[in-house]
Amino acid sequence: MVFAVNDLQIENLSEVYVKWNEMYLLSRSEKFKKSDLEKFQKAINDWAINEYITETYESLHKTYVKIPYHLSNKKEVEKQIMENIRRRAIVS
């Protein structure tokens, strides 16, 4: 079975899961040294798909979900959001 999202294969997904677990275990520490925080930052960046940081995902969410949602009339929202995104793609 092939699982692909943005060229993310099953093996990559397993690797992301392992990295997420490492990041989670680091986050559960009671005390942090500077080196621990640097490891934690690296773990967060490694965990994120395509090494995007959480701000990237938040920015994409705002651009492609929140703003179009607020521009909609709240009826058939998904259809309106997709139409809004399609128009943006045509313009740019």
C-alpha atoms as a PDB file:
ATOM      1  CA  MET A   1       0.000   0.000   0.000  1.00  0.00           C
ATOM      2  CA  VAL A   2       1.372   3.388  -0.935  1.00  0.00           C
ATOM      3  CA  PHE A   3       0.637   6.342   1.305  1.00  0.00           C
ATOM      4  CA  ALA A   4       1.721   9.660  -0.127  1.00  0.00           C
ATOM      5  CA  VAL A   5       1.000  13.233   0.880  1.00  0.00           C
ATOM      6  CA  ASN A   6       3.367  15.767  -0.656  1.00  0.00           C
ATOM      7  CA  ASP A   7       5.684  12.871  -1.592  1.00  0.00           C
ATOM      8  CA  LEU A   8       5.618  11.533   1.985  1.00  0.00           C
ATOM      9  CA  GLN A   9       5.888   7.736   1.765  1.00  0.00           C
ATOM     10  CA  ILE A  10       5.047   5.147   4.457  1.00  0.00           C
ATOM     11  CA  GLU A  11       8.719   4.912   5.438  1.00  0.00           C
ATOM     12  CA  ASN A  12       8.864   8.676   5.880  1.00  0.00           C
ATOM     13  CA  LEU A  13       5.693   8.600   7.945  1.00  0.00           C
ATOM     14  CA  SER A  14       7.239   5.984  10.246  1.00  0.00           C
ATOM     15  CA  GLU A  15      10.335   8.149  10.582  1.00  0.00           C
ATOM     16  CA  VAL A  16       8.197  11.188  11.421  1.00  0.00           C
ATOM     17  CA  TYR A  17       6.413   9.130  14.099  1.00  0.00           C
ATOM     18  CA  VAL A  18       9.724   8.081  15.674  1.00  0.00           C
ATOM     19  CA  LYS A  19      10.950  11.683  15.655  1.00  0.00           C
ATOM     20  CA  TRP A  20       7.689  12.858  17.184  1.00  0.00           C
ATOM     21  CA  ASN A  21       8.142  10.350  20.021  1.00  0.00           C
ATOM     22  CA  GLU A  22      11.684  11.614  20.628  1.00  0.00           C
ATOM     23  CA  MET A  23      10.408  15.185  20.701  1.00  0.00           C
ATOM     24  CA  TYR A  24       7.611  14.230  23.092  1.00  0.00           C
ATOM     25  CA  LEU A  25       9.996  12.480  25.490  1.00  0.00           C
ATOM     26  CA  LEU A  26      12.271  15.526  25.484  1.00  0.00           C
ATOM     27  CA  SER A  27       9.300  17.765  26.284  1.00  0.00           C
ATOM     28  CA  ARG A  28       8.462  15.726  29.390  1.00  0.00           C
ATOM     29  CA  SER A  29      11.741  16.571  31.140  1.00  0.00           C
ATOM     30  CA  GLU A  30      11.472  18.409  34.457  1.00  0.00           C
ATOM     31  CA  LYS A  31      14.601  20.526  34.010  1.00  0.00           C
ATOM     32  CA  PHE A  32      16.266  21.718  30.840  1.00  0.00           C
ATOM     33  CA  LYS A  33      19.840  22.656  30.108  1.00  0.00           C
ATOM     34  CA  LYS A  34      20.615  24.871  27.132  1.00  0.00           C
ATOM     35  CA  SER A  35      21.831  21.816  25.207  1.00  0.00           C
ATOM     36  CA  ASP A  36      18.515  20.052  25.958  1.00  0.00           C
ATOM     37  CA  LEU A  37      16.589  22.976  24.501  1.00  0.00           C
ATOM     38  CA  GLU A  38      18.770  22.936  21.395  1.00  0.00           C
ATOM     39  CA  LYS A  39      18.081  19.192  20.997  1.00  0.00           C
ATOM     40  CA  PHE A  40      14.378  19.882  21.517  1.00  0.00           C
ATOM     41  CA  GLN A  41      14.367  22.597  18.838  1.00  0.00           C
ATOM     42  CA  LYS A  42      16.110  20.232  16.423  1.00  0.00           C
ATOM     43  CA  ALA A  43      13.619  17.472  17.284  1.00  0.00           C
ATOM     44  CA  ILE A  44      10.700  19.814  16.563  1.00  0.00           C
ATOM     45  CA  ASN A  45      12.164  20.815  13.198  1.00  0.00           C
ATOM     46  CA  ASP A  46      12.987  17.193  12.305  1.00  0.00           C
ATOM     47  CA  TRP A  47       9.507  16.062  13.302  1.00  0.00           C
ATOM     48  CA  ALA A  48       7.664  18.538  11.121  1.00  0.00           C
ATOM     49  CA  ILE A  49       6.784  17.246   7.669  1.00  0.00           C
ATOM     50  CA  ASN A  50       9.305  18.546   5.144  1.00  0.00           C
ATOM     51  CA  GLU A  51      11.064  20.179   8.117  1.00  0.00           C
ATOM     52  CA  TYR A  52       8.533  23.013   8.226  1.00  0.00           C
ATOM     53  CA  ILE A  53       8.177  24.658  11.596  1.00  0.00           C
ATOM     54  CA  THR A  54       4.804  25.103  13.271  1.00  0.00           C
ATOM     55  CA  GLU A  55       4.646  28.749  12.224  1.00  0.00           C
ATOM     56  CA  THR A  56       4.635  27.604   8.603  1.00  0.00           C
ATOM     57  CA  TYR A  57       1.601  25.401   9.187  1.00  0.00           C
ATOM     58  CA  GLU A  58      -0.171  28.174  11.099  1.00  0.00           C
ATOM     59  CA  SER A  59       0.532  30.617   8.287  1.00  0.00           C
ATOM     60  CA  LEU A  60      -0.809  28.180   5.683  1.00  0.00           C
ATOM     61  CA  HIS A  61      -3.873  27.529   7.838  1.00  0.00           C
ATOM     62  CA  LYS A  62      -4.598  31.247   8.098  1.00  0.00           C
ATOM     63  CA  THR A  63      -4.090  31.841   4.384  1.00  0.00           C
ATOM     64  CA  TYR A  64      -6.048  28.861   3.062  1.00  0.00           C
ATOM     65  CA  VAL A  65      -8.664  28.235   5.772  1.00  0.00           C
ATOM     66  CA  LYS A  66      -9.286  31.059   8.238  1.00  0.00           C
ATOM     67  CA  ILE A  67      -9.318  34.021   5.859  1.00  0.00           C
ATOM     68  CA  PRO A  68     -11.443  32.312   3.172  1.00  0.00           C
ATOM     69  CA  TYR A  69     -13.819  31.077   5.898  1.00  0.00           C
ATOM     70  CA  HIS A  70     -14.346  34.602   7.179  1.00  0.00           C
ATOM     71  CA  LEU A  71     -14.940  35.800   3.610  1.00  0.00           C
ATOM     72  CA  SER A  72     -17.637  33.166   3.076  1.00  0.00           C
ATOM     73  CA  ASN A  73     -21.306  33.597   3.934  1.00  0.00           C
ATOM     74  CA  LYS A  74     -21.099  30.415   6.078  1.00  0.00           C
ATOM     75  CA  LYS A  75     -23.248  28.402   3.647  1.00  0.00           C
ATOM     76  CA  GLU A  76     -21.508  25.637   1.698  1.00  0.00           C
ATOM     77  CA  VAL A  77     -18.283  26.836   3.283  1.00  0.00           C
ATOM     78  CA  GLU A  78     -15.975  24.193   1.779  1.00  0.00           C
ATOM     79  CA  LYS A  79     -17.201  24.950  -1.725  1.00  0.00           C
ATOM     80  CA  GLN A  80     -16.648  28.686  -1.193  1.00  0.00           C
ATOM     81  CA  ILE A  81     -13.186  28.151   0.299  1.00  0.00           C
ATOM     82  CA  MET A  82     -12.135  25.974  -2.652  1.00  0.00           C
ATOM     83  CA  GLU A  83     -13.470  28.580  -5.095  1.00  0.00           C
ATOM     84  CA  ASN A  84     -11.567  31.320  -3.254  1.00  0.00           C
ATOM     85  CA  ILE A  85      -8.329  29.305  -3.408  1.00  0.00           C
ATOM     86  CA  ARG A  86      -8.890  28.527  -7.106  1.00  0.00           C
ATOM     87  CA  ARG A  87      -9.312  32.242  -7.843  1.00  0.00           C
ATOM     88  CA  ARG A  88      -6.116  33.069  -5.940  1.00  0.00           C
ATOM     89  CA  ALA A  89      -4.231  30.461  -7.958  1.00  0.00           C
ATOM     90  CA  ILE A  90      -5.497  31.954 -11.227  1.00  0.00           C
ATOM     91  CA  VAL A  91      -4.532  35.496 -10.196  1.00  0.00           C
ATOM     92  CA  SER A  92      -1.014  34.599  -9.065  1.00  0.00           C
END
